[in-house]
Amino acid sequence: MTDITVSSIKEVSLRRATVDDAEAIAAVRVESWQATYRGMIPDNYLDEMRIEDSMLQWRQILQAMSQAEDRICVYVAESEGHIIGFASGMMLPEPKLGMQAELTAVYLRPAWQRSGIGRRMVQKVARTLQAQGAESLLVWVISGNSIARNFYEELGGTLLIEQAFSWDGMDLMEVGYGWRDLSVLMASVNAMRTSASLH
């Protein structure tokens, strides 16, 4: 991939995902996991991840979304016709840790990380959930993922809990961050975008 420039970042567009995006979303997820979670998740698990398996899962999610757009949203980030990232969120059936909605995924191809696109995607999902009635938002992060933790802390997220969980046969630790007022998240994103534009 060519070097990422300010102009290329500005040309990235966000749109609602469709079922046809399942394979591209799966590819981003696998690439991002394999680059991000080394040392946090066993290498053999990461090495065995397959786009085909993830694609089936995302096809189901996107099909469900088409029937429940008032509760689930998935957005993709596109550059020159290629999907470089995605983010998803959902209204929770009942509040969890006092939060009404959850940011369920934010992933970018490694070359596009720390470009500001992640913030834009988070804001897009948060605005959609806010329009659906959410006033608060929860996100889960693997405890050892310091980059993601710093990202959410910079966006005004408050550490709510740290707990053990079992996932696909692995025992891991996770932390939950939350925004009790989504306007705090929106203000943080806008402030960071303004600061970035001044440099």
Protein backbone atom coordinates (compact mmCIF):
# COMPACT_ATOMS: atom_id res chain seq x y z
CA MET A 1 0.00 0.00 0.00
CA THR A 2 1.18 3.55 -0.70
CA ASP A 3 1.98 5.95 2.11
CA ILE A 4 -1.07 7.38 3.83
CA THR A 5 -1.32 11.14 3.34
CA VAL A 6 -3.59 13.84 4.74
CA SER A 7 -5.46 13.94 1.44
CA SER A 8 -5.96 10.16 1.40
CA ILE A 9 -7.34 10.29 4.95
CA LYS A 10 -9.79 13.03 3.98
CA GLU A 11 -10.97 10.92 1.05
CA VAL A 12 -11.97 8.02 3.30
CA SER A 13 -15.75 7.70 3.35
CA LEU A 14 -18.01 5.96 5.85
CA ARG A 15 -21.20 4.15 4.89
CA ARG A 16 -23.58 1.52 6.19
CA ALA A 17 -22.33 -2.00 5.62
CA THR A 18 -24.28 -4.47 3.50
CA VAL A 19 -24.22 -8.26 3.28
CA ASP A 20 -21.96 -7.92 0.23
CA ASP A 21 -19.28 -6.43 2.51
CA ALA A 22 -18.97 -9.57 4.66
CA GLU A 23 -15.78 -10.86 3.03
CA ALA A 24 -13.99 -7.49 3.16
CA ILE A 25 -15.01 -6.97 6.79
CA ALA A 26 -13.75 -10.45 7.64
CA ALA A 27 -10.42 -9.71 5.97
CA VAL A 28 -10.00 -6.52 7.99
CA ARG A 29 -10.89 -8.34 11.20
CA VAL A 30 -8.42 -11.18 10.63
CA GLU A 31 -5.59 -8.85 9.59
CA SER A 32 -6.23 -6.53 12.53
CA TRP A 33 -6.42 -9.35 15.08
CA GLN A 34 -3.22 -10.96 13.83
CA ALA A 35 -1.37 -7.64 14.04
CA THR A 36 -2.86 -6.39 17.31
CA TYR A 37 -3.27 -9.36 19.63
CA ARG A 38 0.17 -11.00 19.48
CA GLY A 39 1.20 -11.64 23.06
CA MET A 40 -2.37 -11.32 24.32
CA ILE A 41 -3.97 -14.26 22.51
CA PRO A 42 -2.06 -17.49 21.73
CA ASP A 43 -0.19 -17.34 18.41
CA ASN A 44 -1.64 -20.64 17.23
CA TYR A 45 -5.16 -19.24 17.52
CA LEU A 46 -4.24 -16.10 15.57
CA ASP A 47 -2.36 -18.06 12.92
CA GLU A 48 -5.33 -20.35 12.37
CA MET A 49 -7.84 -17.53 11.84
CA ARG A 50 -9.47 -17.81 8.43
CA ILE A 51 -11.27 -15.13 6.47
CA GLU A 52 -13.81 -17.72 5.29
CA ASP A 53 -14.88 -18.53 8.86
CA SER A 54 -15.16 -14.88 9.86
CA MET A 55 -17.03 -14.09 6.65
CA LEU A 56 -19.82 -16.54 7.52
CA GLN A 57 -20.19 -14.93 10.93
CA TRP A 58 -20.32 -11.43 9.48
CA ARG A 59 -22.77 -12.44 6.80
CA GLN A 60 -25.13 -13.56 9.57
CA ILE A 61 -24.59 -10.33 11.51
CA LEU A 62 -25.24 -8.17 8.46
CA GLN A 63 -28.34 -10.14 7.52
CA ALA A 64 -29.64 -9.66 11.06
CA MET A 65 -28.82 -5.96 10.89
CA SER A 66 -30.95 -5.54 7.78
CA GLN A 67 -33.92 -6.70 9.86
CA ALA A 68 -33.02 -4.68 12.96
CA GLU A 69 -31.53 -1.35 11.88
CA ASP A 70 -33.22 0.28 14.88
CA ARG A 71 -30.99 -1.79 17.20
CA ILE A 72 -27.82 -2.76 15.29
CA CYS A 73 -25.47 -0.73 13.10
CA VAL A 74 -22.32 -1.58 11.16
CA TYR A 75 -20.30 0.98 9.20
CA VAL A 76 -17.37 0.48 6.87
CA ALA A 77 -14.58 2.92 6.02
CA GLU A 78 -13.66 2.97 2.33
CA SER A 79 -10.64 4.34 0.49
CA GLU A 80 -10.53 4.20 -3.30
CA GLY A 81 -13.24 1.56 -3.31
CA HIS A 82 -11.51 -0.69 -0.78
CA ILE A 83 -12.78 -1.34 2.75
CA ILE A 84 -10.03 -0.42 5.21
CA GLY A 85 -11.97 -0.63 8.46
CA PHE A 86 -15.31 -1.15 10.13
CA ALA A 87 -17.13 -0.42 13.36
CA SER A 88 -20.33 -1.79 14.86
CA GLY A 89 -22.66 -1.14 17.74
CA MET A 90 -25.97 -2.23 19.18
CA MET A 91 -28.68 -1.22 21.59
CA LEU A 92 -28.56 -3.53 24.61
CA PRO A 93 -31.74 -5.48 25.45
CA GLU A 94 -31.28 -4.27 29.02
CA PRO A 95 -28.69 -1.94 30.57
CA LYS A 96 -25.28 -3.45 31.34
CA LEU A 97 -23.12 -1.69 33.94
CA GLY A 98 -25.64 1.12 33.62
CA MET A 99 -25.00 1.50 29.87
CA GLN A 100 -27.79 1.39 27.27
CA ALA A 101 -25.75 0.55 24.16
CA GLU A 102 -22.49 -1.18 23.25
CA LEU A 103 -19.72 -0.41 20.80
CA THR A 104 -19.08 -3.98 19.68
CA ALA A 105 -16.18 -3.61 17.22
CA VAL A 106 -13.72 -1.06 15.86
CA TYR A 107 -11.07 -2.44 13.50
CA LEU A 108 -8.77 -0.93 10.89
CA ARG A 109 -6.14 -2.40 8.63
CA PRO A 110 -2.81 -1.88 10.46
CA ALA A 111 -1.53 0.69 7.94
CA TRP A 112 -4.53 2.92 8.68
CA GLN A 113 -4.40 2.76 12.46
CA ARG A 114 -3.74 6.05 14.30
CA SER A 115 -4.92 8.02 11.27
CA GLY A 116 -8.07 9.45 12.87
CA ILE A 117 -10.38 7.11 10.95
CA GLY A 118 -11.08 5.08 14.09
CA ARG A 119 -12.37 8.18 15.86
CA ARG A 120 -14.63 8.97 12.92
CA MET A 121 -16.06 5.46 12.96
CA VAL A 122 -16.68 5.54 16.71
CA GLN A 123 -18.44 8.87 16.35
CA LYS A 124 -20.59 7.54 13.49
CA VAL A 125 -21.71 4.51 15.49
CA ALA A 126 -22.32 6.60 18.61
CA ARG A 127 -24.44 9.11 16.69
CA THR A 128 -26.54 6.32 15.21
CA LEU A 129 -27.11 4.71 18.61
CA GLN A 130 -27.88 8.11 20.11
CA ALA A 131 -30.51 8.65 17.41
CA GLN A 132 -31.99 5.28 18.41
CA GLY A 133 -32.38 6.52 21.99
CA ALA A 134 -29.10 5.62 23.67
CA GLU A 135 -27.68 8.10 26.15
CA SER A 136 -24.75 5.93 27.30
CA LEU A 137 -22.26 3.54 25.70
CA LEU A 138 -20.14 0.56 26.78
CA VAL A 139 -17.08 -0.99 25.12
CA TRP A 140 -15.01 -4.04 26.11
CA VAL A 141 -11.24 -4.25 25.60
CA ILE A 142 -8.75 -7.04 26.31
CA SER A 143 -6.86 -5.81 29.37
CA GLY A 144 -3.43 -6.01 27.75
CA ASN A 145 -4.43 -3.94 24.73
CA SER A 146 -2.86 -0.69 25.91
CA ILE A 147 -3.30 1.04 22.54
CA ALA A 148 -7.07 0.50 22.56
CA ARG A 149 -7.29 1.45 26.22
CA ASN A 150 -5.46 4.72 25.59
CA PHE A 151 -7.72 5.36 22.58
CA TYR A 152 -10.91 5.07 24.62
CA GLU A 153 -9.48 7.00 27.54
CA GLU A 154 -8.57 9.85 25.17
CA LEU A 155 -12.18 9.80 24.00
CA GLY A 156 -13.35 10.36 27.57
CA GLY A 157 -14.22 6.76 28.42
CA THR A 158 -14.34 5.88 32.12
CA LEU A 159 -12.94 2.56 33.35
CA LEU A 160 -15.92 0.68 34.80
CA ILE A 161 -14.70 -2.85 35.51
CA GLU A 162 -11.93 -5.40 34.98
CA GLN A 163 -12.89 -9.06 34.92
CA ALA A 164 -11.90 -12.51 33.75
CA PHE A 165 -13.77 -14.09 30.86
CA SER A 166 -13.57 -17.25 28.80
CA TRP A 167 -13.63 -16.93 25.03
CA ASP A 168 -13.36 -19.82 22.60
CA GLY A 169 -11.62 -21.94 25.23
CA MET A 170 -9.20 -19.19 26.30
CA ASP A 171 -9.12 -17.56 29.74
CA LEU A 172 -8.55 -13.82 29.31
CA MET A 173 -8.95 -10.55 31.19
CA GLU A 174 -11.05 -7.69 29.88
CA VAL A 175 -11.89 -4.15 30.91
CA GLY A 176 -15.09 -2.26 30.30
CA TYR A 177 -15.08 1.45 29.47
CA GLY A 178 -18.19 3.57 29.43
CA TRP A 179 -19.61 6.97 28.61
CA ARG A 180 -22.58 7.77 30.81
CA ASP A 181 -23.26 10.79 28.61
CA LEU A 182 -22.67 10.34 24.88
CA SER A 183 -22.20 14.09 24.47
CA VAL A 184 -18.86 13.66 26.31
CA LEU A 185 -17.72 11.20 23.64
CA MET A 186 -18.87 13.48 20.82
CA ALA A 187 -17.07 16.47 22.35
CA SER A 188 -13.86 14.47 22.80
CA VAL A 189 -13.88 13.30 19.17
CA ASN A 190 -14.52 16.82 17.89
CA ALA A 191 -11.76 18.26 20.09
CA MET A 192 -9.25 15.68 18.86
CA ARG A 193 -10.17 16.29 15.22
CA THR A 194 -9.78 20.04 15.70
CA SER A 195 -6.41 19.57 17.37
CA ALA A 196 -5.22 17.28 14.57
CA SER A 197 -6.25 19.79 11.90
CA LEU A 198 -4.09 22.46 13.54
CA HIS A 199 -0.88 20.42 13.20
